């Protein structure tokens, strides 16, 4: 038996929450950051999660979509959940027809919101991309390098676990 077959727990390192933007709201619990990076508050009277950015409550399905499993960096696994949907890739909208490993078959979405026909679709390599749901719209963005400058807090170089380098 291997160690990864025994251990069934893990942890996620979430992005830093903007504490100036997401302050406490009277009568609500939180703020809480979901795995997608979305910040929500729990309303115990409604029994639902409140999204301050949209001024709306999340449905159970929306909450689960933002908090479902899958680690950041597993884009090919999660993007398969968005077949037949519009996804942002490199700041442009694409309609995802199919996912094959680290490649998606996608058509550009025009100004009218309609995708180009499937026969005009192209292959997009997503091997170096991650699926980001923090904006509410599925977005494939470039993976962050293992070290980045923490501009919000220390202005020092930190690794992805937040340790100073």
N, C-alpha and C. Protein backbone atom coordinates (compact mmCIF):
# COMPACT_ATOMS: atom_id res chain seq x y z
N UNK A 1 0.85 -1.17 0.00
CA UNK A 1 0.00 0.00 0.00
C UNK A 1 0.90 1.24 0.00
N UNK A 2 0.55 2.21 -0.84
CA UNK A 2 1.32 3.44 -0.95
C UNK A 2 0.73 4.51 -0.04
N UNK A 3 1.58 5.46 0.35
CA UNK A 3 1.15 6.52 1.28
C UNK A 3 -0.01 7.32 0.71
N UNK A 4 -0.02 7.60 -0.62
CA UNK A 4 -1.11 8.40 -1.18
C UNK A 4 -2.41 7.62 -1.25
N UNK A 5 -2.39 6.32 -1.03
CA UNK A 5 -3.61 5.53 -0.94
C UNK A 5 -4.18 5.56 0.47
N UNK A 6 -3.34 5.89 1.46
CA UNK A 6 -3.75 5.93 2.86
C UNK A 6 -4.30 7.31 3.21
N UNK A 7 -3.60 8.35 2.80
CA UNK A 7 -3.98 9.71 3.16
C UNK A 7 -5.11 10.18 2.25
N UNK A 8 -6.19 10.59 2.85
CA UNK A 8 -7.34 11.05 2.06
C UNK A 8 -7.63 12.53 2.30
N UNK A 9 -6.76 13.19 3.06
CA UNK A 9 -6.95 14.60 3.34
C UNK A 9 -5.87 15.41 2.65
N UNK A 10 -6.11 16.67 2.53
CA UNK A 10 -5.12 17.58 1.97
C UNK A 10 -5.49 18.99 2.34
N UNK A 11 -4.83 19.94 1.72
CA UNK A 11 -5.16 21.33 1.97
C UNK A 11 -5.01 22.13 0.69
N UNK A 12 -5.62 23.28 0.67
CA UNK A 12 -5.54 24.20 -0.46
C UNK A 12 -4.93 25.49 0.01
N UNK A 13 -4.12 26.10 -0.83
CA UNK A 13 -3.60 27.43 -0.56
C UNK A 13 -4.42 28.38 -1.41
N UNK A 14 -5.20 29.23 -0.75
CA UNK A 14 -6.09 30.14 -1.46
C UNK A 14 -5.41 31.49 -1.66
N UNK A 15 -5.87 32.25 -2.65
CA UNK A 15 -5.32 33.59 -2.84
C UNK A 15 -5.58 34.45 -1.61
N UNK A 16 -4.82 35.52 -1.46
CA UNK A 16 -5.01 36.44 -0.35
C UNK A 16 -6.32 37.20 -0.54
N UNK A 17 -7.11 37.28 0.54
CA UNK A 17 -8.39 38.00 0.49
C UNK A 17 -8.14 39.49 0.71
N UNK A 18 -8.81 40.32 -0.08
CA UNK A 18 -8.72 41.78 0.06
C UNK A 18 -9.57 42.19 1.26
N UNK A 19 -8.94 42.38 2.42
CA UNK A 19 -9.66 42.69 3.66
C UNK A 19 -10.26 44.09 3.67
N UNK A 20 -9.77 44.98 2.82
CA UNK A 20 -10.37 46.31 2.74
C UNK A 20 -11.70 46.25 1.98
N UNK A 21 -11.76 45.40 0.98
CA UNK A 21 -12.98 45.25 0.18
C UNK A 21 -14.00 44.36 0.87
N UNK A 22 -13.53 43.26 1.44
CA UNK A 22 -14.42 42.29 2.06
C UNK A 22 -14.36 42.43 3.58
N UNK A 23 -15.15 43.35 4.10
CA UNK A 23 -15.23 43.60 5.54
C UNK A 23 -16.42 42.83 6.10
N UNK A 24 -16.54 42.82 7.42
CA UNK A 24 -17.68 42.16 8.04
C UNK A 24 -18.97 42.87 7.67
N UNK A 25 -20.05 42.11 7.55
CA UNK A 25 -21.38 42.66 7.30
C UNK A 25 -22.27 42.24 8.47
N UNK A 26 -22.90 43.21 9.10
CA UNK A 26 -23.73 42.94 10.27
C UNK A 26 -24.84 41.94 9.91
N UNK A 27 -24.98 40.91 10.72
CA UNK A 27 -26.01 39.90 10.53
C UNK A 27 -25.57 38.73 9.68
N UNK A 28 -24.39 38.84 9.05
CA UNK A 28 -23.88 37.76 8.21
C UNK A 28 -22.58 37.22 8.80
N UNK A 29 -22.30 35.95 8.52
CA UNK A 29 -21.05 35.33 8.96
C UNK A 29 -20.05 35.42 7.83
N UNK A 30 -18.79 35.64 8.16
CA UNK A 30 -17.77 35.71 7.14
C UNK A 30 -17.02 37.01 7.18
N UNK A 31 -16.27 37.27 6.17
CA UNK A 31 -16.25 36.68 4.84
C UNK A 31 -15.49 35.35 4.78
N UNK A 32 -15.90 34.50 3.81
CA UNK A 32 -15.26 33.21 3.55
C UNK A 32 -14.80 33.18 2.09
N UNK A 33 -13.60 32.64 1.85
CA UNK A 33 -13.15 32.47 0.48
C UNK A 33 -13.36 31.01 0.08
N UNK A 34 -14.03 30.81 -1.06
CA UNK A 34 -14.25 29.47 -1.59
C UNK A 34 -13.04 29.05 -2.40
N UNK A 35 -12.98 27.78 -2.79
CA UNK A 35 -11.82 27.26 -3.52
C UNK A 35 -11.58 27.97 -4.84
N UNK A 36 -12.62 28.54 -5.43
CA UNK A 36 -12.47 29.25 -6.70
C UNK A 36 -11.86 30.64 -6.50
N UNK A 37 -11.81 31.12 -5.25
CA UNK A 37 -11.34 32.47 -4.97
C UNK A 37 -12.49 33.43 -4.72
N UNK A 38 -13.73 33.00 -4.97
CA UNK A 38 -14.92 33.83 -4.73
C UNK A 38 -15.09 34.02 -3.23
N UNK A 39 -15.38 35.27 -2.83
CA UNK A 39 -15.59 35.60 -1.41
C UNK A 39 -17.09 35.72 -1.17
N UNK A 40 -17.58 35.02 -0.14
CA UNK A 40 -19.00 35.01 0.18
C UNK A 40 -19.19 35.20 1.69
N UNK A 41 -20.43 35.49 2.05
CA UNK A 41 -20.85 35.61 3.45
C UNK A 41 -22.02 34.66 3.64
N UNK A 42 -22.14 34.07 4.83
CA UNK A 42 -23.27 33.19 5.10
C UNK A 42 -24.35 33.96 5.84
N UNK A 43 -25.58 33.88 5.34
CA UNK A 43 -26.73 34.53 5.98
C UNK A 43 -27.51 33.44 6.72
N UNK A 44 -27.41 33.38 8.06
CA UNK A 44 -28.09 32.31 8.80
C UNK A 44 -29.61 32.41 8.73
N UNK A 45 -30.16 33.60 8.53
CA UNK A 45 -31.62 33.73 8.43
C UNK A 45 -32.14 33.15 7.11
N UNK A 46 -31.41 33.38 6.02
CA UNK A 46 -31.81 32.86 4.71
C UNK A 46 -31.31 31.42 4.50
N UNK A 47 -30.25 31.06 5.21
CA UNK A 47 -29.64 29.74 5.01
C UNK A 47 -28.90 29.65 3.69
N UNK A 48 -28.43 30.80 3.20
CA UNK A 48 -27.74 30.85 1.90
C UNK A 48 -26.49 31.69 2.01
N UNK A 49 -25.64 31.57 0.98
CA UNK A 49 -24.42 32.35 0.89
C UNK A 49 -24.67 33.59 0.04
N UNK A 50 -24.20 34.72 0.54
CA UNK A 50 -24.40 36.02 -0.11
C UNK A 50 -23.11 36.44 -0.81
N UNK A 51 -23.23 36.88 -2.06
CA UNK A 51 -22.10 37.36 -2.85
C UNK A 51 -22.15 38.88 -2.87
N UNK A 52 -21.24 39.52 -2.17
CA UNK A 52 -21.22 40.97 -2.06
C UNK A 52 -20.95 41.62 -3.43
N UNK A 53 -20.18 40.95 -4.31
CA UNK A 53 -19.84 41.52 -5.61
C UNK A 53 -21.05 41.68 -6.51
N UNK A 54 -21.99 40.75 -6.42
CA UNK A 54 -23.18 40.81 -7.28
C UNK A 54 -24.42 41.26 -6.52
N UNK A 55 -24.31 41.37 -5.18
CA UNK A 55 -25.43 41.72 -4.31
C UNK A 55 -26.58 40.72 -4.47
N UNK A 56 -26.20 39.44 -4.57
CA UNK A 56 -27.20 38.37 -4.74
C UNK A 56 -26.79 37.16 -3.90
N UNK A 57 -27.76 36.33 -3.61
CA UNK A 57 -27.48 35.06 -2.95
C UNK A 57 -27.09 34.03 -4.00
N UNK A 58 -26.17 33.13 -3.63
CA UNK A 58 -25.78 32.04 -4.53
C UNK A 58 -26.78 30.90 -4.38
N UNK A 59 -27.12 30.28 -5.50
CA UNK A 59 -27.91 29.05 -5.41
C UNK A 59 -26.98 27.95 -4.88
N UNK A 60 -27.56 26.85 -4.46
CA UNK A 60 -26.73 25.73 -3.99
C UNK A 60 -25.78 25.26 -5.08
N UNK A 61 -26.26 25.23 -6.33
CA UNK A 61 -25.43 24.78 -7.46
C UNK A 61 -24.26 25.74 -7.68
N UNK A 62 -24.54 27.06 -7.59
CA UNK A 62 -23.47 28.04 -7.78
C UNK A 62 -22.43 27.92 -6.67
N UNK A 63 -22.90 27.75 -5.43
CA UNK A 63 -21.98 27.61 -4.30
C UNK A 63 -21.08 26.39 -4.52
N UNK A 64 -21.68 25.26 -4.88
CA UNK A 64 -20.90 24.03 -5.08
C UNK A 64 -19.92 24.18 -6.24
N UNK A 65 -20.31 24.90 -7.30
CA UNK A 65 -19.42 25.11 -8.44
C UNK A 65 -18.18 25.89 -8.01
N UNK A 66 -18.35 26.83 -7.09
CA UNK A 66 -17.21 27.62 -6.62
C UNK A 66 -16.40 26.90 -5.55
N UNK A 67 -16.98 25.91 -4.91
CA UNK A 67 -16.29 25.25 -3.80
C UNK A 67 -16.04 23.77 -4.02
N UNK A 68 -16.24 23.29 -5.26
CA UNK A 68 -16.01 21.86 -5.50
C UNK A 68 -14.53 21.54 -5.48
N UNK A 69 -14.23 20.27 -5.40
CA UNK A 69 -12.84 19.83 -5.34
C UNK A 69 -12.07 20.14 -6.59
N UNK A 70 -10.83 19.69 -6.63
CA UNK A 70 -9.96 19.97 -7.76
C UNK A 70 -9.00 21.07 -7.39
N UNK A 71 -7.73 20.74 -7.43
CA UNK A 71 -6.73 21.71 -7.03
C UNK A 71 -6.44 22.68 -8.16
N UNK A 72 -6.03 23.88 -7.77
CA UNK A 72 -5.59 24.86 -8.76
C UNK A 72 -4.46 24.23 -9.55
N UNK A 73 -4.54 24.33 -10.84
CA UNK A 73 -3.51 23.74 -11.70
C UNK A 73 -4.00 22.50 -12.43
N UNK A 74 -5.13 21.96 -12.06
CA UNK A 74 -5.67 20.78 -12.74
C UNK A 74 -6.68 21.22 -13.79
N UNK A 75 -6.20 22.02 -14.75
CA UNK A 75 -7.13 22.63 -15.70
C UNK A 75 -7.80 21.62 -16.61
N UNK A 76 -7.07 20.61 -17.10
CA UNK A 76 -7.69 19.69 -18.04
C UNK A 76 -8.79 18.86 -17.36
N UNK A 77 -8.69 18.64 -16.05
CA UNK A 77 -9.73 17.90 -15.33
C UNK A 77 -10.98 18.76 -15.17
N UNK A 78 -10.81 20.02 -14.78
CA UNK A 78 -11.95 20.88 -14.50
C UNK A 78 -12.58 21.48 -15.74
N UNK A 79 -11.82 21.73 -16.78
CA UNK A 79 -12.38 22.37 -17.97
C UNK A 79 -13.41 21.45 -18.63
N UNK A 80 -13.30 20.17 -18.41
CA UNK A 80 -14.27 19.23 -18.99
C UNK A 80 -15.68 19.49 -18.45
N UNK A 81 -15.78 20.16 -17.31
CA UNK A 81 -17.08 20.53 -16.77
C UNK A 81 -17.73 21.66 -17.56
N UNK A 82 -16.98 22.26 -18.49
CA UNK A 82 -17.47 23.44 -19.22
C UNK A 82 -17.61 23.20 -20.72
N UNK A 83 -17.72 21.92 -21.13
CA UNK A 83 -18.01 21.61 -22.52
C UNK A 83 -19.40 22.17 -22.85
N UNK A 84 -19.52 22.75 -24.04
CA UNK A 84 -20.76 23.41 -24.50
C UNK A 84 -21.07 24.67 -23.70
N UNK A 85 -20.02 25.33 -23.22
CA UNK A 85 -20.16 26.61 -22.52
C UNK A 85 -19.11 27.58 -23.06
N UNK A 86 -19.33 28.85 -22.77
CA UNK A 86 -18.37 29.88 -23.14
C UNK A 86 -17.36 30.06 -22.01
N UNK A 87 -16.08 30.11 -22.39
CA UNK A 87 -14.98 30.25 -21.45
C UNK A 87 -14.07 31.36 -21.97
N UNK A 88 -13.46 32.12 -21.06
CA UNK A 88 -12.51 33.15 -21.47
C UNK A 88 -11.12 32.53 -21.54
N UNK A 89 -10.46 32.72 -22.70
CA UNK A 89 -9.09 32.26 -22.91
C UNK A 89 -8.31 33.44 -23.48
N UNK A 90 -7.24 33.83 -22.80
CA UNK A 90 -6.42 34.96 -23.25
C UNK A 90 -7.28 36.19 -23.52
N UNK A 91 -8.19 36.48 -22.63
CA UNK A 91 -9.07 37.66 -22.66
C UNK A 91 -10.09 37.66 -23.80
N UNK A 92 -10.24 36.55 -24.50
CA UNK A 92 -11.25 36.43 -25.55
C UNK A 92 -12.21 35.29 -25.17
N UNK A 93 -13.46 35.39 -25.63
CA UNK A 93 -14.44 34.35 -25.32
C UNK A 93 -14.41 33.26 -26.39
N UNK A 94 -14.40 32.02 -25.91
CA UNK A 94 -14.43 30.85 -26.78
C UNK A 94 -15.51 29.89 -26.31
N UNK A 95 -16.14 29.24 -27.25
CA UNK A 95 -17.13 28.20 -26.95
C UNK A 95 -16.38 26.87 -26.99
N UNK A 96 -16.44 26.11 -25.90
CA UNK A 96 -15.73 24.84 -25.80
C UNK A 96 -16.58 23.72 -26.37
N UNK A 97 -16.10 23.10 -27.45
CA UNK A 97 -16.80 21.98 -28.08
C UNK A 97 -16.38 20.65 -27.47
N UNK A 98 -15.09 20.51 -27.14
CA UNK A 98 -14.58 19.23 -26.66
C UNK A 98 -13.26 19.46 -25.93
N UNK A 99 -12.90 18.51 -25.07
CA UNK A 99 -11.63 18.53 -24.36
C UNK A 99 -10.94 17.20 -24.62
N UNK A 100 -9.68 17.28 -25.05
CA UNK A 100 -8.89 16.07 -25.30
C UNK A 100 -7.54 16.25 -24.62
N UNK A 101 -7.42 15.72 -23.40
CA UNK A 101 -6.17 15.87 -22.65
C UNK A 101 -5.90 17.32 -22.34
N UNK A 102 -4.75 17.83 -22.80
CA UNK A 102 -4.38 19.23 -22.56
C UNK A 102 -4.79 20.14 -23.71
N UNK A 103 -5.75 19.72 -24.51
CA UNK A 103 -6.19 20.51 -25.66
C UNK A 103 -7.71 20.65 -25.62
N UNK A 104 -8.19 21.87 -25.92
CA UNK A 104 -9.62 22.07 -26.08
C UNK A 104 -9.89 22.40 -27.54
N UNK A 105 -11.04 21.97 -28.02
CA UNK A 105 -11.52 22.33 -29.35
C UNK A 105 -12.52 23.45 -29.11
N UNK A 106 -12.21 24.65 -29.63
CA UNK A 106 -13.01 25.82 -29.29
C UNK A 106 -13.20 26.73 -30.49
N UNK A 107 -14.34 27.42 -30.51
CA UNK A 107 -14.64 28.43 -31.53
C UNK A 107 -14.74 29.78 -30.86
N UNK A 108 -14.27 30.80 -31.56
CA UNK A 108 -14.39 32.17 -31.05
C UNK A 108 -15.86 32.55 -30.96
N UNK A 109 -16.20 33.33 -29.93
CA UNK A 109 -17.56 33.84 -29.76
C UNK A 109 -17.58 35.26 -30.33
N UNK A 110 -18.53 35.52 -31.21
CA UNK A 110 -18.64 36.82 -31.84
C UNK A 110 -19.30 37.86 -30.96
N UNK A 111 -19.36 39.12 -31.45
CA UNK A 111 -19.98 40.19 -30.67
C UNK A 111 -21.46 39.94 -30.38
N UNK A 112 -22.09 39.10 -31.20
CA UNK A 112 -23.50 38.79 -30.98
C UNK A 112 -23.70 37.71 -29.92
N UNK A 113 -22.56 37.19 -29.36
CA UNK A 113 -22.64 36.17 -28.32
C UNK A 113 -22.75 34.76 -28.86
N UNK A 114 -22.73 34.60 -30.18
CA UNK A 114 -22.85 33.28 -30.80
C UNK A 114 -21.47 32.76 -31.21
N UNK A 115 -21.20 31.46 -30.97
CA UNK A 115 -19.91 30.91 -31.38
C UNK A 115 -19.86 30.66 -32.89
N UNK A 116 -18.64 30.70 -33.42
CA UNK A 116 -18.45 30.30 -34.82
C UNK A 116 -18.79 28.81 -34.93
N UNK A 117 -19.16 28.34 -36.13
CA UNK A 117 -19.51 26.91 -36.29
C UNK A 117 -18.36 25.99 -35.88
N UNK A 118 -18.74 24.78 -35.50
CA UNK A 118 -17.75 23.81 -35.04
C UNK A 118 -16.69 23.52 -36.10
N UNK A 119 -17.05 23.57 -37.38
CA UNK A 119 -16.06 23.29 -38.42
C UNK A 119 -15.00 24.40 -38.53
N UNK A 120 -15.21 25.51 -37.84
CA UNK A 120 -14.22 26.59 -37.81
C UNK A 120 -13.48 26.62 -36.47
N UNK A 121 -13.71 25.60 -35.66
CA UNK A 121 -13.06 25.52 -34.35
C UNK A 121 -11.57 25.30 -34.50
N UNK A 122 -10.83 25.67 -33.47
CA UNK A 122 -9.39 25.45 -33.47
C UNK A 122 -8.97 24.77 -32.18
N UNK A 123 -7.79 24.21 -32.20
CA UNK A 123 -7.24 23.55 -31.01
C UNK A 123 -6.47 24.58 -30.19
N UNK A 124 -6.70 24.56 -28.87
CA UNK A 124 -5.98 25.45 -27.96
C UNK A 124 -5.32 24.58 -26.90
N UNK A 125 -3.99 24.70 -26.79
CA UNK A 125 -3.26 23.94 -25.77
C UNK A 125 -3.47 24.61 -24.42
N UNK A 126 -3.99 23.86 -23.46
CA UNK A 126 -4.25 24.41 -22.13
C UNK A 126 -3.34 23.78 -21.08
N UNK A 127 -2.27 23.13 -21.51
CA UNK A 127 -1.36 22.47 -20.58
C UNK A 127 -0.72 23.40 -19.58
N UNK A 128 -0.51 24.66 -19.95
CA UNK A 128 0.12 25.63 -19.06
C UNK A 128 -0.90 26.64 -18.53
N UNK A 129 -2.18 26.24 -18.47
CA UNK A 129 -3.23 27.14 -18.00
C UNK A 129 -3.95 26.51 -16.81
N UNK A 130 -4.59 27.36 -16.01
CA UNK A 130 -5.42 26.90 -14.90
C UNK A 130 -6.81 27.49 -15.07
N UNK A 131 -7.80 26.79 -14.56
CA UNK A 131 -9.18 27.26 -14.63
C UNK A 131 -9.45 28.13 -13.41
N UNK A 132 -9.81 29.37 -13.66
CA UNK A 132 -10.08 30.35 -12.60
C UNK A 132 -11.55 30.71 -12.65
N UNK A 133 -12.27 30.51 -11.55
CA UNK A 133 -13.70 30.81 -11.49
C UNK A 133 -13.98 32.04 -10.63
N UNK A 134 -12.96 32.77 -10.22
CA UNK A 134 -13.15 33.88 -9.28
C UNK A 134 -13.99 35.01 -9.86
N UNK A 135 -14.01 35.17 -11.17
CA UNK A 135 -14.81 36.25 -11.77
C UNK A 135 -16.26 35.83 -11.99
N UNK A 136 -16.56 34.56 -11.75
CA UNK A 136 -17.90 34.05 -12.03
C UNK A 136 -18.02 33.48 -13.42
N UNK A 137 -17.10 33.82 -14.31
CA UNK A 137 -17.05 33.30 -15.68
C UNK A 137 -15.83 32.40 -15.76
N UNK A 138 -15.97 31.15 -16.23
CA UNK A 138 -14.79 30.28 -16.32
C UNK A 138 -13.72 30.95 -17.18
N UNK A 139 -12.51 31.05 -16.62
CA UNK A 139 -11.41 31.72 -17.31
C UNK A 139 -10.19 30.83 -17.27
N UNK A 140 -9.61 30.56 -18.43
CA UNK A 140 -8.34 29.84 -18.50
C UNK A 140 -7.25 30.89 -18.53
N UNK A 141 -6.41 30.89 -17.49
CA UNK A 141 -5.32 31.86 -17.43
C UNK A 141 -4.00 31.12 -17.28
N UNK A 142 -2.90 31.81 -17.58
CA UNK A 142 -1.58 31.20 -17.47
C UNK A 142 -1.30 30.83 -16.02
N UNK A 143 -0.60 29.70 -15.84
CA UNK A 143 -0.19 29.30 -14.50
C UNK A 143 0.79 30.33 -13.97
N UNK A 144 0.70 30.60 -12.68
CA UNK A 144 1.64 31.52 -12.05
C UNK A 144 2.98 30.83 -11.86
N UNK A 145 4.07 31.58 -11.96
CA UNK A 145 5.38 30.97 -11.68
C UNK A 145 5.44 30.58 -10.21
N UNK A 146 6.36 29.67 -9.84
CA UNK A 146 6.42 29.21 -8.46
C UNK A 146 6.76 30.31 -7.46
N UNK A 147 7.33 31.41 -7.89
CA UNK A 147 7.60 32.52 -6.99
C UNK A 147 7.03 33.78 -7.62
N UNK A 148 6.42 34.60 -6.79
CA UNK A 148 5.83 35.83 -7.29
C UNK A 148 5.99 36.92 -6.24
N UNK A 149 5.89 38.15 -6.66
CA UNK A 149 6.01 39.27 -5.73
C UNK A 149 4.66 39.49 -5.06
N UNK A 150 4.67 39.53 -3.74
CA UNK A 150 3.46 39.76 -2.96
C UNK A 150 3.30 41.27 -2.79
N UNK A 151 2.60 41.91 -3.72
CA UNK A 151 2.47 43.36 -3.72
C UNK A 151 1.51 43.86 -2.65
N UNK A 152 0.58 43.04 -2.20
CA UNK A 152 -0.41 43.52 -1.26
C UNK A 152 0.12 43.62 0.17
N UNK A 153 0.99 42.70 0.55
CA UNK A 153 1.37 42.66 1.95
C UNK A 153 2.82 43.07 2.20
N UNK A 154 3.74 42.29 1.71
CA UNK A 154 5.13 42.48 2.12
C UNK A 154 6.02 43.08 1.05
N UNK A 155 5.58 43.07 -0.19
CA UNK A 155 6.38 43.52 -1.32
C UNK A 155 7.69 42.72 -1.41
N UNK A 156 7.64 41.48 -0.90
CA UNK A 156 8.80 40.60 -0.96
C UNK A 156 8.47 39.41 -1.83
N UNK A 157 9.49 38.69 -2.26
CA UNK A 157 9.30 37.48 -3.08
C UNK A 157 8.85 36.35 -2.16
N UNK A 158 7.75 35.68 -2.57
CA UNK A 158 7.24 34.55 -1.80
C UNK A 158 7.01 33.38 -2.75
N UNK A 159 7.07 32.15 -2.21
CA UNK A 159 6.73 31.01 -3.04
C UNK A 159 5.23 30.78 -2.97
N UNK A 160 4.71 29.75 -3.66
CA UNK A 160 3.25 29.57 -3.73
C UNK A 160 2.62 29.19 -2.39
N UNK A 161 3.43 28.77 -1.41
CA UNK A 161 2.90 28.50 -0.07
C UNK A 161 2.96 29.75 0.81
N UNK A 162 3.52 30.85 0.30
CA UNK A 162 3.59 32.08 1.05
C UNK A 162 4.86 32.26 1.86
N UNK A 163 5.81 31.32 1.74
CA UNK A 163 7.07 31.43 2.48
C UNK A 163 7.98 32.44 1.78
N UNK A 164 8.64 33.29 2.57
CA UNK A 164 9.56 34.27 2.01
C UNK A 164 10.74 33.57 1.37
N UNK A 165 11.21 34.13 0.26
CA UNK A 165 12.40 33.59 -0.40
C UNK A 165 13.55 34.52 -0.18
